[in-house]
Amino acid sequence: MDKLKARWNIEHNWQIVVILIVFAVTGSTASYIGKPILAFLNITPEAFSSFGYWTIRILLLFVVYQFLLVFFGWLFGQHKFFWNFEKKMLRRIGFKRFLN
C-alpha cells in the first residue's frame, strides 16, 4: 500500500479506495452511455461493417471516458489526482503541446 500511495502521491488509504471506485464507475458509465450515443448518431453494426462499428465505438468510448474520469474524480473529491492522471495520459498519446 505504501508503494502505491507514494506512486500516486496520496496520503490516506481511503483515497486508494475512492480512486478505484472512480475508475470502476467511470468505465461502467462510459460503456453504458456509449450505445445510446452511437444510436443517436445512427452508427449501427448494420450501417458500418462490424470492424468499423467497433472501431468507432472504442474511439468514442475513449473520448467519453476521458471527460467522465475528470468529472467523477471531481465528484468524489479527487480532482487533483485525476487531472494529473489525465494530463499524463494525454502527454503519452501526443497532446503535450496542449498542456502546460
PDB file of N, CA and C in Angstrom:
ATOM      1  N   MET A   1       0.817  -1.193   0.000  1.00  0.00           N
ATOM      2  CA  MET A   1       0.000   0.000   0.000  1.00  0.00           C
ATOM      3  C   MET A   1       0.862   1.259   0.000  1.00  0.00           C
ATOM      4  N   ASP A   2       1.951   1.205   0.726  1.00  0.00           N
ATOM      5  CA  ASP A   2       2.800   2.391   0.821  1.00  0.00           C
ATOM      6  C   ASP A   2       3.430   2.750  -0.525  1.00  0.00           C
ATOM      7  N   LYS A   3       3.795   1.728  -1.303  1.00  0.00           N
ATOM      8  CA  LYS A   3       4.364   1.998  -2.627  1.00  0.00           C
ATOM      9  C   LYS A   3       3.329   2.654  -3.535  1.00  0.00           C
ATOM     10  N   LEU A   4       2.100   2.168  -3.462  1.00  0.00           N
ATOM     11  CA  LEU A   4       1.032   2.739  -4.278  1.00  0.00           C
ATOM     12  C   LEU A   4       0.721   4.165  -3.848  1.00  0.00           C
ATOM     13  N   LYS A   5       0.692   4.402  -2.547  1.00  0.00           N
ATOM     14  CA  LYS A   5       0.444   5.758  -2.046  1.00  0.00           C
ATOM     15  C   LYS A   5       1.561   6.702  -2.475  1.00  0.00           C
ATOM     16  N   ALA A   6       2.790   6.234  -2.452  1.00  0.00           N
ATOM     17  CA  ALA A   6       3.910   7.081  -2.876  1.00  0.00           C
ATOM     18  C   ALA A   6       3.866   7.327  -4.385  1.00  0.00           C
ATOM     19  N   ARG A   7       3.550   6.298  -5.144  1.00  0.00           N
ATOM     20  CA  ARG A   7       3.496   6.437  -6.609  1.00  0.00           C
ATOM     21  C   ARG A   7       2.376   7.372  -7.040  1.00  0.00           C
ATOM     22  N   TRP A   8       1.224   7.260  -6.380  1.00  0.00           N
ATOM     23  CA  TRP A   8       0.073   8.090  -6.738  1.00  0.00           C
ATOM     24  C   TRP A   8       0.077   9.429  -6.008  1.00  0.00           C
ATOM     25  N   ASN A   9       1.029   9.624  -5.119  1.00  0.00           N
ATOM     26  CA  ASN A   9       1.155  10.872  -4.368  1.00  0.00           C
ATOM     27  C   ASN A   9      -0.107  11.181  -3.561  1.00  0.00           C
ATOM     28  N   ILE A  10      -0.556  10.176  -2.813  1.00  0.00           N
ATOM     29  CA  ILE A  10      -1.718  10.352  -1.941  1.00  0.00           C
ATOM     30  C   ILE A  10      -1.298  10.051  -0.514  1.00  0.00           C
ATOM     31  N   GLU A  11      -2.118  10.480   0.431  1.00  0.00           N
ATOM     32  CA  GLU A  11      -1.723  10.392   1.834  1.00  0.00           C
ATOM     33  C   GLU A  11      -2.451   9.317   2.629  1.00  0.00           C
ATOM     34  N   HIS A  12      -3.700   9.028   2.273  1.00  0.00           N
ATOM     35  CA  HIS A  12      -4.527   8.149   3.100  1.00  0.00           C
ATOM     36  C   HIS A  12      -4.972   6.911   2.328  1.00  0.00           C
ATOM     37  N   ASN A  13      -5.192   5.823   3.070  1.00  0.00           N
ATOM     38  CA  ASN A  13      -5.642   4.580   2.457  1.00  0.00           C
ATOM     39  C   ASN A  13      -7.028   4.717   1.836  1.00  0.00           C
ATOM     40  N   TRP A  14      -7.887   5.524   2.443  1.00  0.00           N
ATOM     41  CA  TRP A  14      -9.244   5.671   1.907  1.00  0.00           C
ATOM     42  C   TRP A  14      -9.225   6.314   0.525  1.00  0.00           C
ATOM     43  N   GLN A  15      -8.186   7.083   0.222  1.00  0.00           N
ATOM     44  CA  GLN A  15      -8.083   7.690  -1.106  1.00  0.00           C
ATOM     45  C   GLN A  15      -7.877   6.620  -2.179  1.00  0.00           C
ATOM     46  N   ILE A  16      -7.164   5.562  -1.845  1.00  0.00           N
ATOM     47  CA  ILE A  16      -6.975   4.461  -2.795  1.00  0.00           C
ATOM     48  C   ILE A  16      -8.318   3.838  -3.128  1.00  0.00           C
ATOM     49  N   VAL A  17      -9.134   3.615  -2.118  1.00  0.00           N
ATOM     50  CA  VAL A  17     -10.461   3.033  -2.333  1.00  0.00           C
ATOM     51  C   VAL A  17     -11.307   3.948  -3.207  1.00  0.00           C
ATOM     52  N   VAL A  18     -11.289   5.237  -2.907  1.00  0.00           N
ATOM     53  CA  VAL A  18     -12.067   6.197  -3.692  1.00  0.00           C
ATOM     54  C   VAL A  18     -11.581   6.221  -5.139  1.00  0.00           C
ATOM     55  N   ILE A  19     -10.286   6.208  -5.345  1.00  0.00           N
ATOM     56  CA  ILE A  19      -9.724   6.237  -6.699  1.00  0.00           C
ATOM     57  C   ILE A  19     -10.139   4.989  -7.477  1.00  0.00           C
ATOM     58  N   LEU A  20     -10.082   3.833  -6.856  1.00  0.00           N
ATOM     59  CA  LEU A  20     -10.500   2.603  -7.534  1.00  0.00           C
ATOM     60  C   LEU A  20     -11.991   2.619  -7.847  1.00  0.00           C
ATOM     61  N   ILE A  21     -12.794   3.178  -6.943  1.00  0.00           N
ATOM     62  CA  ILE A  21     -14.233   3.313  -7.201  1.00  0.00           C
ATOM     63  C   ILE A  21     -14.475   4.237  -8.385  1.00  0.00           C
ATOM     64  N   VAL A  22     -13.743   5.339  -8.451  1.00  0.00           N
ATOM     65  CA  VAL A  22     -13.899   6.278  -9.573  1.00  0.00           C
ATOM     66  C   VAL A  22     -13.552   5.595 -10.891  1.00  0.00           C
ATOM     67  N   PHE A  23     -12.475   4.826 -10.930  1.00  0.00           N
ATOM     68  CA  PHE A  23     -12.129   4.101 -12.156  1.00  0.00           C
ATOM     69  C   PHE A  23     -13.252   3.136 -12.552  1.00  0.00           C
ATOM     70  N   ALA A  24     -13.808   2.425 -11.579  1.00  0.00           N
ATOM     71  CA  ALA A  24     -14.875   1.463 -11.871  1.00  0.00           C
ATOM     72  C   ALA A  24     -16.138   2.155 -12.369  1.00  0.00           C
ATOM     73  N   VAL A  25     -16.542   3.212 -11.679  1.00  0.00           N
ATOM     74  CA  VAL A  25     -17.758   3.934 -12.063  1.00  0.00           C
ATOM     75  C   VAL A  25     -17.585   4.574 -13.435  1.00  0.00           C
ATOM     76  N   THR A  26     -16.425   5.139 -13.694  1.00  0.00           N
ATOM     77  CA  THR A  26     -16.178   5.797 -14.976  1.00  0.00           C
ATOM     78  C   THR A  26     -16.227   4.800 -16.126  1.00  0.00           C
ATOM     79  N   GLY A  27     -15.578   3.670 -15.972  1.00  0.00           N
ATOM     80  CA  GLY A  27     -15.593   2.663 -17.031  1.00  0.00           C
ATOM     81  C   GLY A  27     -16.984   2.134 -17.303  1.00  0.00           C
ATOM     82  N   SER A  28     -17.725   1.846 -16.247  1.00  0.00           N
ATOM     83  CA  SER A  28     -19.090   1.347 -16.411  1.00  0.00           C
ATOM     84  C   SER A  28     -19.987   2.387 -17.060  1.00  0.00           C
ATOM     85  N   THR A  29     -19.860   3.629 -16.628  1.00  0.00           N
ATOM     86  CA  THR A  29     -20.693   4.696 -17.173  1.00  0.00           C
ATOM     87  C   THR A  29     -20.368   4.963 -18.634  1.00  0.00           C
ATOM     88  N   ALA A  30     -19.108   5.007 -18.978  1.00  0.00           N
ATOM     89  CA  ALA A  30     -18.718   5.244 -20.375  1.00  0.00           C
ATOM     90  C   ALA A  30     -19.255   4.133 -21.272  1.00  0.00           C
ATOM     91  N   SER A  31     -19.154   2.900 -20.818  1.00  0.00           N
ATOM     92  CA  SER A  31     -19.664   1.782 -21.598  1.00  0.00           C
ATOM     93  C   SER A  31     -21.186   1.839 -21.717  1.00  0.00           C
ATOM     94  N   TYR A  32     -21.840   2.215 -20.634  1.00  0.00           N
ATOM     95  CA  TYR A  32     -23.305   2.270 -20.613  1.00  0.00           C
ATOM     96  C   TYR A  32     -23.852   3.346 -21.537  1.00  0.00           C
ATOM     97  N   ILE A  33     -23.233   4.519 -21.556  1.00  0.00           N
ATOM     98  CA  ILE A  33     -23.774   5.608 -22.379  1.00  0.00           C
ATOM     99  C   ILE A  33     -23.240   5.592 -23.807  1.00  0.00           C
ATOM    100  N   GLY A  34     -22.283   4.734 -24.086  1.00  0.00           N
ATOM    101  CA  GLY A  34     -21.732   4.661 -25.439  1.00  0.00           C
ATOM    102  C   GLY A  34     -22.744   4.203 -26.473  1.00  0.00           C
ATOM    103  N   LYS A  35     -23.532   3.195 -26.136  1.00  0.00           N
ATOM    104  CA  LYS A  35     -24.500   2.656 -27.095  1.00  0.00           C
ATOM    105  C   LYS A  35     -25.578   3.678 -27.460  1.00  0.00           C
ATOM    106  N   PRO A  36     -26.187   4.386 -26.496  1.00  0.00           N
ATOM    107  CA  PRO A  36     -27.174   5.407 -26.875  1.00  0.00           C
ATOM    108  C   PRO A  36     -26.579   6.546 -27.711  1.00  0.00           C
ATOM    109  N   ILE A  37     -25.334   6.912 -27.435  1.00  0.00           N
ATOM    110  CA  ILE A  37     -24.694   7.968 -28.230  1.00  0.00           C
ATOM    111  C   ILE A  37     -24.522   7.492 -29.670  1.00  0.00           C
ATOM    112  N   LEU A  38     -24.077   6.256 -29.834  1.00  0.00           N
ATOM    113  CA  LEU A  38     -23.928   5.708 -31.182  1.00  0.00           C
ATOM    114  C   LEU A  38     -25.277   5.593 -31.884  1.00  0.00           C
ATOM    115  N   ALA A  39     -26.315   5.204 -31.148  1.00  0.00           N
ATOM    116  CA  ALA A  39     -27.650   5.115 -31.743  1.00  0.00           C
ATOM    117  C   ALA A  39     -28.134   6.496 -32.167  1.00  0.00           C
ATOM    118  N   PHE A  40     -27.878   7.503 -31.349  1.00  0.00           N
ATOM    119  CA  PHE A  40     -28.267   8.871 -31.696  1.00  0.00           C
ATOM    120  C   PHE A  40     -27.561   9.339 -32.964  1.00  0.00           C
ATOM    121  N   LEU A  41     -26.307   8.968 -33.111  1.00  0.00           N
ATOM    122  CA  LEU A  41     -25.531   9.336 -34.296  1.00  0.00           C
ATOM    123  C   LEU A  41     -25.797   8.400 -35.480  1.00  0.00           C
ATOM    124  N   ASN A  42     -26.714   7.440 -35.272  1.00  0.00           N
ATOM    125  CA  ASN A  42     -27.088   6.465 -36.300  1.00  0.00           C
ATOM    126  C   ASN A  42     -25.885   5.633 -36.759  1.00  0.00           C
ATOM    127  N   ILE A  43     -25.066   5.270 -35.813  1.00  0.00           N
ATOM    128  CA  ILE A  43     -23.921   4.398 -36.089  1.00  0.00           C
ATOM    129  C   ILE A  43     -24.274   3.026 -35.536  1.00  0.00           C
ATOM    130  N   THR A  44     -24.589   2.109 -36.419  1.00  0.00           N
ATOM    131  CA  THR A  44     -25.004   0.763 -36.041  1.00  0.00           C
ATOM    132  C   THR A  44     -24.134  -0.253 -36.770  1.00  0.00           C
ATOM    133  N   PRO A  45     -24.119  -1.493 -36.277  1.00  0.00           N
ATOM    134  CA  PRO A  45     -23.353  -2.528 -36.990  1.00  0.00           C
ATOM    135  C   PRO A  45     -23.888  -2.778 -38.403  1.00  0.00           C
ATOM    136  N   GLU A  46     -25.181  -2.508 -38.608  1.00  0.00           N
ATOM    137  CA  GLU A  46     -25.761  -2.699 -39.934  1.00  0.00           C
ATOM    138  C   GLU A  46     -25.303  -1.604 -40.900  1.00  0.00           C
ATOM    139  N   ALA A  47     -25.111  -0.390 -40.400  1.00  0.00           N
ATOM    140  CA  ALA A  47     -24.709   0.733 -41.248  1.00  0.00           C
ATOM    141  C   ALA A  47     -23.214   0.687 -41.574  1.00  0.00           C
ATOM    142  N   PHE A  48     -22.446   0.119 -40.677  1.00  0.00           N
ATOM    143  CA  PHE A  48     -20.998   0.003 -40.870  1.00  0.00           C
ATOM    144  C   PHE A  48     -20.637  -1.475 -40.793  1.00  0.00           C
ATOM    145  N   SER A  49     -19.476  -1.802 -41.223  1.00  0.00           N
ATOM    146  CA  SER A  49     -19.023  -3.178 -41.015  1.00  0.00           C
ATOM    147  C   SER A  49     -18.812  -3.385 -39.519  1.00  0.00           C
ATOM    148  N   SER A  50     -18.741  -4.618 -39.118  1.00  0.00           N
ATOM    149  CA  SER A  50     -18.523  -4.908 -37.700  1.00  0.00           C
ATOM    150  C   SER A  50     -17.224  -4.263 -37.208  1.00  0.00           C
ATOM    151  N   PHE A  51     -16.186  -4.346 -38.031  1.00  0.00           N
ATOM    152  CA  PHE A  51     -14.903  -3.742 -37.672  1.00  0.00           C
ATOM    153  C   PHE A  51     -15.029  -2.225 -37.550  1.00  0.00           C
ATOM    154  N   GLY A  52     -15.706  -1.593 -38.493  1.00  0.00           N
ATOM    155  CA  GLY A  52     -15.889  -0.139 -38.467  1.00  0.00           C
ATOM    156  C   GLY A  52     -16.697   0.315 -37.269  1.00  0.00           C
ATOM    157  N   TYR A  53     -17.769  -0.431 -36.978  1.00  0.00           N
ATOM    158  CA  TYR A  53     -18.616  -0.092 -35.833  1.00  0.00           C
ATOM    159  C   TYR A  53     -17.821  -0.145 -34.537  1.00  0.00           C
ATOM    160  N   TRP A  54     -17.074  -1.228 -34.329  1.00  0.00           N
ATOM    161  CA  TRP A  54     -16.327  -1.370 -33.079  1.00  0.00           C
ATOM    162  C   TRP A  54     -15.163  -0.393 -32.990  1.00  0.00           C
ATOM    163  N   THR A  55     -14.574  -0.059 -34.117  1.00  0.00           N
ATOM    164  CA  THR A  55     -13.508   0.946 -34.115  1.00  0.00           C
ATOM    165  C   THR A  55     -14.058   2.297 -33.682  1.00  0.00           C
ATOM    166  N   ILE A  56     -15.190   2.684 -34.257  1.00  0.00           N
ATOM    167  CA  ILE A  56     -15.822   3.958 -33.889  1.00  0.00           C
ATOM    168  C   ILE A  56     -16.259   3.929 -32.434  1.00  0.00           C
ATOM    169  N   ARG A  57     -16.835   2.808 -32.002  1.00  0.00           N
ATOM    170  CA  ARG A  57     -17.304   2.707 -30.615  1.00  0.00           C
ATOM    171  C   ARG A  57     -16.144   2.829 -29.623  1.00  0.00           C
ATOM    172  N   ILE A  58     -15.046   2.167 -29.890  1.00  0.00           N
ATOM    173  CA  ILE A  58     -13.891   2.237 -28.982  1.00  0.00           C
ATOM    174  C   ILE A  58     -13.323   3.651 -28.940  1.00  0.00           C
ATOM    175  N   LEU A  59     -13.215   4.299 -30.093  1.00  0.00           N
ATOM    176  CA  LEU A  59     -12.721   5.681 -30.120  1.00  0.00           C
ATOM    177  C   LEU A  59     -13.657   6.621 -29.363  1.00  0.00           C
ATOM    178  N   LEU A  60     -14.964   6.448 -29.557  1.00  0.00           N
ATOM    179  CA  LEU A  60     -15.941   7.265 -28.836  1.00  0.00           C
ATOM    180  C   LEU A  60     -15.844   7.028 -27.336  1.00  0.00           C
ATOM    181  N   LEU A  61     -15.764   5.756 -26.935  1.00  0.00           N
ATOM    182  CA  LEU A  61     -15.669   5.446 -25.509  1.00  0.00           C
ATOM    183  C   LEU A  61     -14.398   6.011 -24.899  1.00  0.00           C
ATOM    184  N   PHE A  62     -13.320   6.012 -25.646  1.00  0.00           N
ATOM    185  CA  PHE A  62     -12.072   6.584 -25.145  1.00  0.00           C
ATOM    186  C   PHE A  62     -12.247   8.069 -24.835  1.00  0.00           C
ATOM    187  N   VAL A  63     -12.870   8.799 -25.745  1.00  0.00           N
ATOM    188  CA  VAL A  63     -13.078  10.240 -25.540  1.00  0.00           C
ATOM    189  C   VAL A  63     -14.038  10.490 -24.381  1.00  0.00           C
ATOM    190  N   VAL A  64     -15.145   9.761 -24.358  1.00  0.00           N
ATOM    191  CA  VAL A  64     -16.131   9.925 -23.283  1.00  0.00           C
ATOM    192  C   VAL A  64     -15.496   9.591 -21.941  1.00  0.00           C
ATOM    193  N   TYR A  65     -14.702   8.537 -21.906  1.00  0.00           N
ATOM    194  CA  TYR A  65     -14.041   8.113 -20.674  1.00  0.00           C
ATOM    195  C   TYR A  65     -13.147   9.213 -20.108  1.00  0.00           C
ATOM    196  N   GLN A  66     -12.434   9.913 -20.968  1.00  0.00           N
ATOM    197  CA  GLN A  66     -11.522  10.964 -20.502  1.00  0.00           C
ATOM    198  C   GLN A  66     -12.283  12.067 -19.776  1.00  0.00           C
ATOM    199  N   PHE A  67     -13.395  12.492 -20.356  1.00  0.00           N
ATOM    200  CA  PHE A  67     -14.195  13.537 -19.719  1.00  0.00           C
ATOM    201  C   PHE A  67     -14.836  13.042 -18.428  1.00  0.00           C
ATOM    202  N   LEU A  68     -15.379  11.824 -18.470  1.00  0.00           N
ATOM    203  CA  LEU A  68     -16.033  11.284 -17.282  1.00  0.00           C
ATOM    204  C   LEU A  68     -15.049  11.044 -16.145  1.00  0.00           C
ATOM    205  N   LEU A  69     -13.832  10.662 -16.466  1.00  0.00           N
ATOM    206  CA  LEU A  69     -12.837  10.400 -15.426  1.00  0.00           C
ATOM    207  C   LEU A  69     -12.561  11.656 -14.605  1.00  0.00           C
ATOM    208  N   VAL A  70     -12.386  12.772 -15.273  1.00  0.00           N
ATOM    209  CA  VAL A  70     -12.146  14.030 -14.558  1.00  0.00           C
ATOM    210  C   VAL A  70     -13.409  14.446 -13.802  1.00  0.00           C
ATOM    211  N   PHE A  71     -14.578  14.266 -14.423  1.00  0.00           N
ATOM    212  CA  PHE A  71     -15.835  14.636 -13.766  1.00  0.00           C
ATOM    213  C   PHE A  71     -16.067  13.817 -12.502  1.00  0.00           C
ATOM    214  N   PHE A  72     -15.963  12.493 -12.603  1.00  0.00           N
ATOM    215  CA  PHE A  72     -16.183  11.653 -11.422  1.00  0.00           C
ATOM    216  C   PHE A  72     -15.080  11.856 -10.385  1.00  0.00           C
ATOM    217  N   GLY A  73     -13.872  12.128 -10.835  1.00  0.00           N
ATOM    218  CA  GLY A  73     -12.802  12.453  -9.893  1.00  0.00           C
ATOM    219  C   GLY A  73     -13.141  13.689  -9.089  1.00  0.00           C
ATOM    220  N   TRP A  74     -13.675  14.702  -9.769  1.00  0.00           N
ATOM    221  CA  TRP A  74     -14.107  15.922  -9.081  1.00  0.00           C
ATOM    222  C   TRP A  74     -15.269  15.615  -8.140  1.00  0.00           C
ATOM    223  N   LEU A  75     -16.230  14.827  -8.619  1.00  0.00           N
ATOM    224  CA  LEU A  75     -17.416  14.495  -7.833  1.00  0.00           C
ATOM    225  C   LEU A  75     -17.048  13.753  -6.548  1.00  0.00           C
ATOM    226  N   PHE A  76     -16.040  12.900  -6.612  1.00  0.00           N
ATOM    227  CA  PHE A  76     -15.613  12.127  -5.449  1.00  0.00           C
ATOM    228  C   PHE A  76     -14.491  12.805  -4.664  1.00  0.00           C
ATOM    229  N   GLY A  77     -14.158  14.041  -5.008  1.00  0.00           N
ATOM    230  CA  GLY A  77     -13.182  14.806  -4.239  1.00  0.00           C
ATOM    231  C   GLY A  77     -11.730  14.494  -4.553  1.00  0.00           C
ATOM    232  N   GLN A  78     -11.466  13.902  -5.695  1.00  0.00           N
ATOM    233  CA  GLN A  78     -10.097  13.545  -6.071  1.00  0.00           C
ATOM    234  C   GLN A  78      -9.704  14.203  -7.398  1.00  0.00           C
ATOM    235  N   HIS A  79     -10.179  15.418  -7.626  1.00  0.00           N
ATOM    236  CA  HIS A  79      -9.945  16.107  -8.895  1.00  0.00           C
ATOM    237  C   HIS A  79      -8.457  16.272  -9.193  1.00  0.00           C
ATOM    238  N   LYS A  80      -7.681  16.637  -8.192  1.00  0.00           N
ATOM    239  CA  LYS A  80      -6.247  16.867  -8.408  1.00  0.00           C
ATOM    240  C   LYS A  80      -5.564  15.604  -8.929  1.00  0.00           C
ATOM    241  N   PHE A  81      -5.852  14.473  -8.304  1.00  0.00           N
ATOM    242  CA  PHE A  81      -5.248  13.210  -8.738  1.00  0.00           C
ATOM    243  C   PHE A  81      -5.639  12.890 -10.172  1.00  0.00           C
ATOM    244  N   PHE A  82      -6.931  12.988 -10.488  1.00  0.00           N
ATOM    245  CA  PHE A  82      -7.392  12.588 -11.818  1.00  0.00           C
ATOM    246  C   PHE A  82      -7.014  13.596 -12.894  1.00  0.00           C
ATOM    247  N   TRP A  83      -6.912  14.868 -12.547  1.00  0.00           N
ATOM    248  CA  TRP A  83      -6.461  15.836 -13.540  1.00  0.00           C
ATOM    249  C   TRP A  83      -4.994  15.581 -13.884  1.00  0.00           C
ATOM    250  N   ASN A  84      -4.180  15.301 -12.872  1.00  0.00           N
ATOM    251  CA  ASN A  84      -2.774  14.962 -13.135  1.00  0.00           C
ATOM    252  C   ASN A  84      -2.656  13.656 -13.924  1.00  0.00           C
ATOM    253  N   PHE A  85      -3.494  12.690 -13.592  1.00  0.00           N
ATOM    254  CA  PHE A  85      -3.524  11.415 -14.309  1.00  0.00           C
ATOM    255  C   PHE A  85      -3.894  11.639 -15.774  1.00  0.00           C
ATOM    256  N   GLU A  86      -4.887  12.484 -15.997  1.00  0.00           N
ATOM    257  CA  GLU A  86      -5.346  12.791 -17.356  1.00  0.00           C
ATOM    258  C   GLU A  86      -4.260  13.502 -18.163  1.00  0.00           C
ATOM    259  N   LYS A  87      -3.607  14.475 -17.549  1.00  0.00           N
ATOM    260  CA  LYS A  87      -2.531  15.184 -18.245  1.00  0.00           C
ATOM    261  C   LYS A  87      -1.409  14.226 -18.629  1.00  0.00           C
ATOM    262  N   LYS A  88      -1.076  13.317 -17.733  1.00  0.00           N
ATOM    263  CA  LYS A  88      -0.028  12.338 -18.007  1.00  0.00           C
ATOM    264  C   LYS A  88      -0.428  11.440 -19.180  1.00  0.00           C
ATOM    265  N   MET A  89      -1.676  11.009 -19.207  1.00  0.00           N
ATOM    266  CA  MET A  89      -2.146  10.152 -20.286  1.00  0.00           C
ATOM    267  C   MET A  89      -2.161  10.901 -21.620  1.00  0.00           C
ATOM    268  N   LEU A  90      -2.609  12.143 -21.609  1.00  0.00           N
ATOM    269  CA  LEU A  90      -2.657  12.925 -22.844  1.00  0.00           C
ATOM    270  C   LEU A  90      -1.259  13.210 -23.382  1.00  0.00           C
ATOM    271  N   ARG A  91      -0.308  13.416 -22.482  1.00  0.00           N
ATOM    272  CA  ARG A  91       1.078  13.606 -22.926  1.00  0.00           C
ATOM    273  C   ARG A  91       1.596  12.356 -23.631  1.00  0.00           C
ATOM    274  N   ARG A  92       1.252  11.201 -23.084  1.00  0.00           N
ATOM    275  CA  ARG A  92       1.735   9.940 -23.655  1.00  0.00           C
ATOM    276  C   ARG A  92       1.178   9.676 -25.051  1.00  0.00           C
ATOM    277  N   ILE A  93      -0.032  10.175 -25.330  1.00  0.00           N
ATOM    278  CA  ILE A  93      -0.601   9.927 -26.656  1.00  0.00           C
ATOM    279  C   ILE A  93      -0.359  11.080 -27.615  1.00  0.00           C
ATOM    280  N   GLY A  94       0.437  12.069 -27.195  1.00  0.00           N
ATOM    281  CA  GLY A  94       0.883  13.095 -28.126  1.00  0.00           C
ATOM    282  C   GLY A  94       0.212  14.444 -28.032  1.00  0.00           C
ATOM    283  N   PHE A  95      -0.516  14.719 -26.964  1.00  0.00           N
ATOM    284  CA  PHE A  95      -1.179  16.009 -26.819  1.00  0.00           C
ATOM    285  C   PHE A  95      -0.454  16.939 -25.852  1.00  0.00           C
ATOM    286  N   LYS A  96       0.834  16.723 -25.642  1.00  0.00           N
ATOM    287  CA  LYS A  96       1.552  17.523 -24.653  1.00  0.00           C
ATOM    288  C   LYS A  96       1.662  18.987 -25.040  1.00  0.00           C
ATOM    289  N   ARG A  97       1.550  19.303 -26.323  1.00  0.00           N
ATOM    290  CA  ARG A  97       1.632  20.709 -26.730  1.00  0.00           C
ATOM    291  C   ARG A  97       0.408  21.503 -26.281  1.00  0.00           C
ATOM    292  N   PHE A  98      -0.700  20.811 -25.939  1.00  0.00           N
ATOM    293  CA  PHE A  98      -1.905  21.491 -25.485  1.00  0.00           C
ATOM    294  C   PHE A  98      -1.960  21.641 -23.969  1.00  0.00           C
ATOM    295  N   LEU A  99      -0.990  21.053 -23.275  1.00  0.00           N
ATOM    296  CA  LEU A  99      -0.955  21.090 -21.813  1.00  0.00           C
ATOM    297  C   LEU A  99       0.180  21.976 -21.348  1.00  0.00           C
ATOM    298  N   ASN A 100       0.133  22.353 -20.082  1.00  0.00           N
ATOM    299  CA  ASN A 100       1.209  23.174 -19.504  1.00  0.00           C
ATOM    300  C   ASN A 100       2.482  22.384 -19.394  1.00  0.00           C
TER     301      ASN A 100
END
